[in-house]
Amino acid sequence: MRPVIIAMSLLSAFSVGVALAQTPPAADAMARAKEAFDKADQDKDGALNLKEWKAMGRRERGFQMMDADHDGKLTPDEIRSAIAAYRKQQG
């Protein structure tokens, strides 16, 4: 599940409610994560396709693991769900 760990930085940018409750350094980290996701989302459709994912240096296996609906796109919700499942598995 290493790809999930890597994707965690992307996920945090999409937790607006949590971001508002965080300290400024955490909010800054979320802003950086959102910026990284937006930069990776070359076609600006709000999701990452496999080409965009791999352009970030990520492996296809991680993409396939997180693409819950198998539509060829990773949405922030899918990333969040994958991270939640990983955290639950860890403990």
PDB file of N, CA and C in Angstrom:
ATOM      1  N   MET A   1       0.819  -1.199   0.000  1.00  0.00           N
ATOM      2  CA  MET A   1       0.000   0.000   0.000  1.00  0.00           C
ATOM      3  C   MET A   1       0.864   1.264   0.000  1.00  0.00           C
ATOM      4  N   ARG A   2       2.132   1.166  -0.347  1.00  0.00           N
ATOM      5  CA  ARG A   2       2.989   2.335  -0.402  1.00  0.00           C
ATOM      6  C   ARG A   2       2.412   3.445  -1.269  1.00  0.00           C
ATOM      7  N   PRO A   3       1.784   3.146  -2.414  1.00  0.00           N
ATOM      8  CA  PRO A   3       1.194   4.217  -3.214  1.00  0.00           C
ATOM      9  C   PRO A   3       0.153   5.015  -2.441  1.00  0.00           C
ATOM     10  N   VAL A   4      -0.536   4.361  -1.529  1.00  0.00           N
ATOM     11  CA  VAL A   4      -1.521   5.057  -0.715  1.00  0.00           C
ATOM     12  C   VAL A   4      -0.833   6.058   0.190  1.00  0.00           C
ATOM     13  N   ILE A   5       0.286   5.667   0.762  1.00  0.00           N
ATOM     14  CA  ILE A   5       1.027   6.578   1.625  1.00  0.00           C
ATOM     15  C   ILE A   5       1.481   7.789   0.831  1.00  0.00           C
ATOM     16  N   ILE A   6       1.979   7.564  -0.359  1.00  0.00           N
ATOM     17  CA  ILE A   6       2.434   8.654  -1.207  1.00  0.00           C
ATOM     18  C   ILE A   6       1.271   9.575  -1.547  1.00  0.00           C
ATOM     19  N   ALA A   7       0.131   9.001  -1.807  1.00  0.00           N
ATOM     20  CA  ALA A   7      -1.035   9.798  -2.197  1.00  0.00           C
ATOM     21  C   ALA A   7      -1.627  10.581  -1.036  1.00  0.00           C
ATOM     22  N   MET A   8      -1.242  10.267   0.174  1.00  0.00           N
ATOM     23  CA  MET A   8      -1.796  10.956   1.336  1.00  0.00           C
ATOM     24  C   MET A   8      -1.567  12.460   1.260  1.00  0.00           C
ATOM     25  N   SER A   9      -0.441  12.875   0.719  1.00  0.00           N
ATOM     26  CA  SER A   9      -0.197  14.305   0.624  1.00  0.00           C
ATOM     27  C   SER A   9      -1.190  14.968  -0.318  1.00  0.00           C
ATOM     28  N   LEU A  10      -1.632  14.253  -1.344  1.00  0.00           N
ATOM     29  CA  LEU A  10      -2.644  14.800  -2.253  1.00  0.00           C
ATOM     30  C   LEU A  10      -3.998  14.874  -1.571  1.00  0.00           C
ATOM     31  N   LEU A  11      -4.309  13.864  -0.810  1.00  0.00           N
ATOM     32  CA  LEU A  11      -5.601  13.800  -0.154  1.00  0.00           C
ATOM     33  C   LEU A  11      -5.850  14.962   0.783  1.00  0.00           C
ATOM     34  N   SER A  12      -4.883  15.320   1.576  1.00  0.00           N
ATOM     35  CA  SER A  12      -5.109  16.295   2.632  1.00  0.00           C
ATOM     36  C   SER A  12      -5.618  17.623   2.108  1.00  0.00           C
ATOM     37  N   ALA A  13      -5.306  17.944   0.872  1.00  0.00           N
ATOM     38  CA  ALA A  13      -5.761  19.208   0.299  1.00  0.00           C
ATOM     39  C   ALA A  13      -7.267  19.254   0.109  1.00  0.00           C
ATOM     40  N   PHE A  14      -7.913  18.123   0.136  1.00  0.00           N
ATOM     41  CA  PHE A  14      -9.339  18.074  -0.160  1.00  0.00           C
ATOM     42  C   PHE A  14     -10.211  17.956   1.080  1.00  0.00           C
ATOM     43  N   SER A  15      -9.629  18.051   2.212  1.00  0.00           N
ATOM     44  CA  SER A  15     -10.378  17.970   3.464  1.00  0.00           C
ATOM     45  C   SER A  15     -10.585  19.384   3.996  1.00  0.00           C
ATOM     46  N   VAL A  16     -11.447  20.146   3.360  1.00  0.00           N
ATOM     47  CA  VAL A  16     -11.614  21.553   3.675  1.00  0.00           C
ATOM     48  C   VAL A  16     -12.034  21.755   5.120  1.00  0.00           C
ATOM     49  N   GLY A  17     -12.991  20.968   5.581  1.00  0.00           N
ATOM     50  CA  GLY A  17     -13.440  21.126   6.959  1.00  0.00           C
ATOM     51  C   GLY A  17     -12.326  20.878   7.944  1.00  0.00           C
ATOM     52  N   VAL A  18     -11.536  19.862   7.685  1.00  0.00           N
ATOM     53  CA  VAL A  18     -10.404  19.562   8.555  1.00  0.00           C
ATOM     54  C   VAL A  18      -9.365  20.671   8.461  1.00  0.00           C
ATOM     55  N   ALA A  19      -9.135  21.182   7.271  1.00  0.00           N
ATOM     56  CA  ALA A  19      -8.133  22.222   7.070  1.00  0.00           C
ATOM     57  C   ALA A  19      -8.455  23.449   7.901  1.00  0.00           C
ATOM     58  N   LEU A  20      -9.727  23.788   8.002  1.00  0.00           N
ATOM     59  CA  LEU A  20     -10.109  24.967   8.764  1.00  0.00           C
ATOM     60  C   LEU A  20      -9.835  24.794  10.254  1.00  0.00           C
ATOM     61  N   ALA A  21      -9.862  23.546  10.725  1.00  0.00           N
ATOM     62  CA  ALA A  21      -9.652  23.283  12.140  1.00  0.00           C
ATOM     63  C   ALA A  21      -8.183  23.062  12.482  1.00  0.00           C
ATOM     64  N   GLN A  22      -7.327  23.010  11.472  1.00  0.00           N
ATOM     65  CA  GLN A  22      -5.920  22.712  11.700  1.00  0.00           C
ATOM     66  C   GLN A  22      -5.122  23.957  12.044  1.00  0.00           C
ATOM     67  N   THR A  23      -3.950  23.727  12.548  1.00  0.00           N
ATOM     68  CA  THR A  23      -3.024  24.819  12.805  1.00  0.00           C
ATOM     69  C   THR A  23      -2.493  25.333  11.474  1.00  0.00           C
ATOM     70  N   PRO A  24      -1.952  26.529  11.423  1.00  0.00           N
ATOM     71  CA  PRO A  24      -1.434  27.066  10.159  1.00  0.00           C
ATOM     72  C   PRO A  24      -0.434  26.167   9.439  1.00  0.00           C
ATOM     73  N   PRO A  25       0.527  25.521  10.124  1.00  0.00           N
ATOM     74  CA  PRO A  25       1.435  24.645   9.370  1.00  0.00           C
ATOM     75  C   PRO A  25       0.706  23.496   8.664  1.00  0.00           C
ATOM     76  N   ALA A  26      -0.297  22.919   9.296  1.00  0.00           N
ATOM     77  CA  ALA A  26      -1.063  21.839   8.668  1.00  0.00           C
ATOM     78  C   ALA A  26      -1.863  22.382   7.492  1.00  0.00           C
ATOM     79  N   ALA A  27      -2.425  23.558   7.657  1.00  0.00           N
ATOM     80  CA  ALA A  27      -3.165  24.180   6.561  1.00  0.00           C
ATOM     81  C   ALA A  27      -2.230  24.468   5.396  1.00  0.00           C
ATOM     82  N   ASP A  28      -1.008  24.879   5.683  1.00  0.00           N
ATOM     83  CA  ASP A  28      -0.020  25.112   4.628  1.00  0.00           C
ATOM     84  C   ASP A  28       0.297  23.816   3.893  1.00  0.00           C
ATOM     85  N   ALA A  29       0.420  22.727   4.631  1.00  0.00           N
ATOM     86  CA  ALA A  29       0.700  21.425   4.009  1.00  0.00           C
ATOM     87  C   ALA A  29      -0.454  21.022   3.102  1.00  0.00           C
ATOM     88  N   MET A  30      -1.677  21.290   3.525  1.00  0.00           N
ATOM     89  CA  MET A  30      -2.839  20.959   2.703  1.00  0.00           C
ATOM     90  C   MET A  30      -2.869  21.819   1.441  1.00  0.00           C
ATOM     91  N   ALA A  31      -2.506  23.064   1.577  1.00  0.00           N
ATOM     92  CA  ALA A  31      -2.463  23.943   0.404  1.00  0.00           C
ATOM     93  C   ALA A  31      -1.414  23.455  -0.587  1.00  0.00           C
ATOM     94  N   ARG A  32      -0.277  23.007  -0.067  1.00  0.00           N
ATOM     95  CA  ARG A  32       0.774  22.464  -0.944  1.00  0.00           C
ATOM     96  C   ARG A  32       0.302  21.174  -1.619  1.00  0.00           C
ATOM     97  N   ALA A  33      -0.431  20.345  -0.893  1.00  0.00           N
ATOM     98  CA  ALA A  33      -0.947  19.100  -1.468  1.00  0.00           C
ATOM     99  C   ALA A  33      -1.961  19.392  -2.568  1.00  0.00           C
ATOM    100  N   LYS A  34      -2.830  20.359  -2.337  1.00  0.00           N
ATOM    101  CA  LYS A  34      -3.802  20.736  -3.367  1.00  0.00           C
ATOM    102  C   LYS A  34      -3.078  21.284  -4.597  1.00  0.00           C
ATOM    103  N   GLU A  35      -2.077  22.084  -4.363  1.00  0.00           N
ATOM    104  CA  GLU A  35      -1.292  22.630  -5.468  1.00  0.00           C
ATOM    105  C   GLU A  35      -0.631  21.503  -6.271  1.00  0.00           C
ATOM    106  N   ALA A  36      -0.103  20.497  -5.576  1.00  0.00           N
ATOM    107  CA  ALA A  36       0.532  19.360  -6.261  1.00  0.00           C
ATOM    108  C   ALA A  36      -0.497  18.583  -7.080  1.00  0.00           C
ATOM    109  N   PHE A  37      -1.676  18.369  -6.516  1.00  0.00           N
ATOM    110  CA  PHE A  37      -2.727  17.660  -7.250  1.00  0.00           C
ATOM    111  C   PHE A  37      -3.136  18.461  -8.479  1.00  0.00           C
ATOM    112  N   ASP A  38      -3.361  19.751  -8.290  1.00  0.00           N
ATOM    113  CA  ASP A  38      -3.780  20.600  -9.402  1.00  0.00           C
ATOM    114  C   ASP A  38      -2.726  20.636 -10.504  1.00  0.00           C
ATOM    115  N   LYS A  39      -1.473  20.648 -10.120  1.00  0.00           N
ATOM    116  CA  LYS A  39      -0.388  20.647 -11.103  1.00  0.00           C
ATOM    117  C   LYS A  39      -0.366  19.317 -11.865  1.00  0.00           C
ATOM    118  N   ALA A  40      -0.579  18.223 -11.162  1.00  0.00           N
ATOM    119  CA  ALA A  40      -0.577  16.897 -11.794  1.00  0.00           C
ATOM    120  C   ALA A  40      -1.782  16.719 -12.704  1.00  0.00           C
ATOM    121  N   ASP A  41      -2.883  17.367 -12.384  1.00  0.00           N
ATOM    122  CA  ASP A  41      -4.115  17.253 -13.163  1.00  0.00           C
ATOM    123  C   ASP A  41      -4.007  18.121 -14.414  1.00  0.00           C
ATOM    124  N   GLN A  42      -3.250  17.632 -15.373  1.00  0.00           N
ATOM    125  CA  GLN A  42      -2.932  18.406 -16.565  1.00  0.00           C
ATOM    126  C   GLN A  42      -4.158  18.793 -17.392  1.00  0.00           C
ATOM    127  N   ASP A  43      -5.158  17.931 -17.461  1.00  0.00           N
ATOM    128  CA  ASP A  43      -6.336  18.256 -18.266  1.00  0.00           C
ATOM    129  C   ASP A  43      -7.407  18.997 -17.459  1.00  0.00           C
ATOM    130  N   LYS A  44      -7.112  19.270 -16.212  1.00  0.00           N
ATOM    131  CA  LYS A  44      -7.969  20.073 -15.326  1.00  0.00           C
ATOM    132  C   LYS A  44      -9.398  19.549 -15.220  1.00  0.00           C
ATOM    133  N   ASP A  45      -9.514  18.213 -15.149  1.00  0.00           N
ATOM    134  CA  ASP A  45     -10.846  17.621 -15.013  1.00  0.00           C
ATOM    135  C   ASP A  45     -11.176  17.247 -13.567  1.00  0.00           C
ATOM    136  N   GLY A  46     -10.303  17.578 -12.631  1.00  0.00           N
ATOM    137  CA  GLY A  46     -10.560  17.290 -11.227  1.00  0.00           C
ATOM    138  C   GLY A  46     -10.216  15.883 -10.800  1.00  0.00           C
ATOM    139  N   ALA A  47      -9.541  15.141 -11.667  1.00  0.00           N
ATOM    140  CA  ALA A  47      -9.135  13.765 -11.372  1.00  0.00           C
ATOM    141  C   ALA A  47      -7.796  13.509 -12.057  1.00  0.00           C
ATOM    142  N   LEU A  48      -7.128  12.469 -11.606  1.00  0.00           N
ATOM    143  CA  LEU A  48      -5.858  12.089 -12.230  1.00  0.00           C
ATOM    144  C   LEU A  48      -6.072  10.840 -13.066  1.00  0.00           C
ATOM    145  N   ASN A  49      -5.692  10.903 -14.340  1.00  0.00           N
ATOM    146  CA  ASN A  49      -5.720   9.699 -15.156  1.00  0.00           C
ATOM    147  C   ASN A  49      -4.380   8.985 -14.996  1.00  0.00           C
ATOM    148  N   LEU A  50      -4.256   7.815 -15.573  1.00  0.00           N
ATOM    149  CA  LEU A  50      -3.041   7.017 -15.390  1.00  0.00           C
ATOM    150  C   LEU A  50      -1.805   7.747 -15.903  1.00  0.00           C
ATOM    151  N   LYS A  51      -1.930   8.419 -17.022  1.00  0.00           N
ATOM    152  CA  LYS A  51      -0.796   9.155 -17.586  1.00  0.00           C
ATOM    153  C   LYS A  51      -0.337  10.247 -16.622  1.00  0.00           C
ATOM    154  N   GLU A  52      -1.269  10.983 -16.047  1.00  0.00           N
ATOM    155  CA  GLU A  52      -0.929  12.039 -15.086  1.00  0.00           C
ATOM    156  C   GLU A  52      -0.299  11.433 -13.834  1.00  0.00           C
ATOM    157  N   TRP A  53      -0.840  10.317 -13.371  1.00  0.00           N
ATOM    158  CA  TRP A  53      -0.323   9.625 -12.192  1.00  0.00           C
ATOM    159  C   TRP A  53       1.119   9.188 -12.415  1.00  0.00           C
ATOM    160  N   LYS A  54       1.365   8.562 -13.571  1.00  0.00           N
ATOM    161  CA  LYS A  54       2.707   8.068 -13.876  1.00  0.00           C
ATOM    162  C   LYS A  54       3.691   9.223 -14.102  1.00  0.00           C
ATOM    163  N   ALA A  55       3.202  10.344 -14.610  1.00  0.00           N
ATOM    164  CA  ALA A  55       4.060  11.515 -14.804  1.00  0.00           C
ATOM    165  C   ALA A  55       4.573  12.053 -13.470  1.00  0.00           C
ATOM    166  N   MET A  56       3.881  11.718 -12.386  1.00  0.00           N
ATOM    167  CA  MET A  56       4.317  12.100 -11.042  1.00  0.00           C
ATOM    168  C   MET A  56       5.357  11.117 -10.496  1.00  0.00           C
ATOM    169  N   GLY A  57       5.684  10.107 -11.287  1.00  0.00           N
ATOM    170  CA  GLY A  57       6.645   9.110 -10.840  1.00  0.00           C
ATOM    171  C   GLY A  57       6.009   7.980 -10.052  1.00  0.00           C
ATOM    172  N   ARG A  58       4.701   7.852 -10.141  1.00  0.00           N
ATOM    173  CA  ARG A  58       3.978   6.820  -9.398  1.00  0.00           C
ATOM    174  C   ARG A  58       3.779   5.580 -10.258  1.00  0.00           C
ATOM    175  N   ARG A  59       3.555   4.462  -9.594  1.00  0.00           N
ATOM    176  CA  ARG A  59       3.379   3.179 -10.285  1.00  0.00           C
ATOM    177  C   ARG A  59       1.915   2.910 -10.622  1.00  0.00           C
ATOM    178  N   GLU A  60       1.737   2.201 -11.714  1.00  0.00           N
ATOM    179  CA  GLU A  60       0.390   1.856 -12.160  1.00  0.00           C
ATOM    180  C   GLU A  60      -0.350   1.026 -11.109  1.00  0.00           C
ATOM    181  N   ARG A  61       0.372   0.192 -10.415  1.00  0.00           N
ATOM    182  CA  ARG A  61      -0.264  -0.674  -9.411  1.00  0.00           C
ATOM    183  C   ARG A  61      -1.012   0.147  -8.355  1.00  0.00           C
ATOM    184  N   GLY A  62      -0.390   1.210  -7.885  1.00  0.00           N
ATOM    185  CA  GLY A  62      -1.046   2.062  -6.896  1.00  0.00           C
ATOM    186  C   GLY A  62      -2.295   2.717  -7.452  1.00  0.00           C
ATOM    187  N   PHE A  63      -2.200   3.140  -8.701  1.00  0.00           N
ATOM    188  CA  PHE A  63      -3.350   3.748  -9.365  1.00  0.00           C
ATOM    189  C   PHE A  63      -4.501   2.755  -9.418  1.00  0.00           C
ATOM    190  N   GLN A  64      -4.202   1.537  -9.857  1.00  0.00           N
ATOM    191  CA  GLN A  64      -5.236   0.511  -9.984  1.00  0.00           C
ATOM    192  C   GLN A  64      -5.857   0.176  -8.629  1.00  0.00           C
ATOM    193  N   MET A  65      -5.040   0.178  -7.582  1.00  0.00           N
ATOM    194  CA  MET A  65      -5.547  -0.132  -6.244  1.00  0.00           C
ATOM    195  C   MET A  65      -6.522   0.938  -5.756  1.00  0.00           C
ATOM    196  N   MET A  66      -6.276   2.181  -6.101  1.00  0.00           N
ATOM    197  CA  MET A  66      -7.108   3.274  -5.595  1.00  0.00           C
ATOM    198  C   MET A  66      -8.293   3.605  -6.487  1.00  0.00           C
ATOM    199  N   ASP A  67      -8.265   3.219  -7.754  1.00  0.00           N
ATOM    200  CA  ASP A  67      -9.348   3.521  -8.689  1.00  0.00           C
ATOM    201  C   ASP A  67     -10.539   2.606  -8.400  1.00  0.00           C
ATOM    202  N   ALA A  68     -11.302   2.958  -7.398  1.00  0.00           N
ATOM    203  CA  ALA A  68     -12.364   2.093  -6.878  1.00  0.00           C
ATOM    204  C   ALA A  68     -13.436   1.764  -7.908  1.00  0.00           C
ATOM    205  N   ASP A  69     -13.800   2.709  -8.748  1.00  0.00           N
ATOM    206  CA  ASP A  69     -14.852   2.444  -9.723  1.00  0.00           C
ATOM    207  C   ASP A  69     -14.300   2.015 -11.086  1.00  0.00           C
ATOM    208  N   HIS A  70     -13.008   1.871 -11.155  1.00  0.00           N
ATOM    209  CA  HIS A  70     -12.320   1.387 -12.358  1.00  0.00           C
ATOM    210  C   HIS A  70     -12.688   2.182 -13.614  1.00  0.00           C
ATOM    211  N   ASP A  71     -12.782   3.506 -13.449  1.00  0.00           N
ATOM    212  CA  ASP A  71     -13.109   4.349 -14.593  1.00  0.00           C
ATOM    213  C   ASP A  71     -11.874   4.992 -15.223  1.00  0.00           C
ATOM    214  N   GLY A  72     -10.699   4.631 -14.717  1.00  0.00           N
ATOM    215  CA  GLY A  72      -9.466   5.167 -15.275  1.00  0.00           C
ATOM    216  C   GLY A  72      -9.099   6.543 -14.756  1.00  0.00           C
ATOM    217  N   LYS A  73      -9.746   6.963 -13.661  1.00  0.00           N
ATOM    218  CA  LYS A  73      -9.459   8.264 -13.062  1.00  0.00           C
ATOM    219  C   LYS A  73      -9.415   8.123 -11.549  1.00  0.00           C
ATOM    220  N   LEU A  74      -8.508   8.865 -10.942  1.00  0.00           N
ATOM    221  CA  LEU A  74      -8.424   8.927  -9.484  1.00  0.00           C
ATOM    222  C   LEU A  74      -8.963  10.265  -9.031  1.00  0.00           C
ATOM    223  N   THR A  75     -10.054  10.224  -8.323  1.00  0.00           N
ATOM    224  CA  THR A  75     -10.635  11.448  -7.781  1.00  0.00           C
ATOM    225  C   THR A  75     -10.125  11.661  -6.362  1.00  0.00           C
ATOM    226  N   PRO A  76     -10.255  12.869  -5.860  1.00  0.00           N
ATOM    227  CA  PRO A  76      -9.891  13.100  -4.459  1.00  0.00           C
ATOM    228  C   PRO A  76     -10.653  12.170  -3.518  1.00  0.00           C
ATOM    229  N   ASP A  77     -11.920  11.880  -3.811  1.00  0.00           N
ATOM    230  CA  ASP A  77     -12.703  10.971  -2.958  1.00  0.00           C
ATOM    231  C   ASP A  77     -12.111   9.559  -2.947  1.00  0.00           C
ATOM    232  N   GLU A  78     -11.668   9.084  -4.110  1.00  0.00           N
ATOM    233  CA  GLU A  78     -11.058   7.752  -4.167  1.00  0.00           C
ATOM    234  C   GLU A  78      -9.750   7.726  -3.384  1.00  0.00           C
ATOM    235  N   ILE A  79      -9.002   8.793  -3.481  1.00  0.00           N
ATOM    236  CA  ILE A  79      -7.744   8.866  -2.718  1.00  0.00           C
ATOM    237  C   ILE A  79      -8.052   8.872  -1.234  1.00  0.00           C
ATOM    238  N   ARG A  80      -9.047   9.673  -0.826  1.00  0.00           N
ATOM    239  CA  ARG A  80      -9.446   9.716   0.586  1.00  0.00           C
ATOM    240  C   ARG A  80      -9.878   8.346   1.079  1.00  0.00           C
ATOM    241  N   SER A  81     -10.691   7.657   0.293  1.00  0.00           N
ATOM    242  CA  SER A  81     -11.178   6.327   0.685  1.00  0.00           C
ATOM    243  C   SER A  81     -10.033   5.332   0.825  1.00  0.00           C
ATOM    244  N   ALA A  82      -9.089   5.385  -0.103  1.00  0.00           N
ATOM    245  CA  ALA A  82      -7.941   4.475  -0.042  1.00  0.00           C
ATOM    246  C   ALA A  82      -7.108   4.739   1.200  1.00  0.00           C
ATOM    247  N   ILE A  83      -6.931   5.985   1.528  1.00  0.00           N
ATOM    248  CA  ILE A  83      -6.151   6.334   2.717  1.00  0.00           C
ATOM    249  C   ILE A  83      -6.882   5.905   3.979  1.00  0.00           C
ATOM    250  N   ALA A  84      -8.190   6.113   4.017  1.00  0.00           N
ATOM    251  CA  ALA A  84      -8.970   5.681   5.177  1.00  0.00           C
ATOM    252  C   ALA A  84      -8.878   4.171   5.355  1.00  0.00           C
ATOM    253  N   ALA A  85      -8.960   3.433   4.262  1.00  0.00           N
ATOM    254  CA  ALA A  85      -8.843   1.972   4.338  1.00  0.00           C
ATOM    255  C   ALA A  85      -7.453   1.575   4.819  1.00  0.00           C
ATOM    256  N   TYR A  86      -6.437   2.271   4.341  1.00  0.00           N
ATOM    257  CA  TYR A  86      -5.069   1.978   4.773  1.00  0.00           C
ATOM    258  C   TYR A  86      -4.913   2.252   6.257  1.00  0.00           C
ATOM    259  N   ARG A  87      -5.405   3.372   6.706  1.00  0.00           N
ATOM    260  CA  ARG A  87      -5.303   3.727   8.151  1.00  0.00           C
ATOM    261  C   ARG A  87      -6.040   2.704   9.010  1.00  0.00           C
ATOM    262  N   LYS A  88      -7.212   2.279   8.533  1.00  0.00           N
ATOM    263  CA  LYS A  88      -8.000   1.282   9.286  1.00  0.00           C
ATOM    264  C   LYS A  88      -7.227  -0.031   9.366  1.00  0.00           C
ATOM    265  N   GLN A  89      -6.604  -0.408   8.276  1.00  0.00           N
ATOM    266  CA  GLN A  89      -5.822  -1.645   8.230  1.00  0.00           C
ATOM    267  C   GLN A  89      -4.626  -1.574   9.177  1.00  0.00           C
ATOM    268  N   GLN A  90      -4.038  -0.387   9.302  1.00  0.00           N
ATOM    269  CA  GLN A  90      -2.857  -0.213  10.140  1.00  0.00           C
ATOM    270  C   GLN A  90      -3.191  -0.180  11.627  1.00  0.00           C
ATOM    271  N   GLY A  91      -4.434   0.065  11.904  1.00  0.00           N
ATOM    272  CA  GLY A  91      -4.676  -0.004  13.244  1.00  0.00           C
ATOM    273  C   GLY A  91      -5.527   0.587  14.145  1.00  0.00           C
TER     274      GLY A  91
END
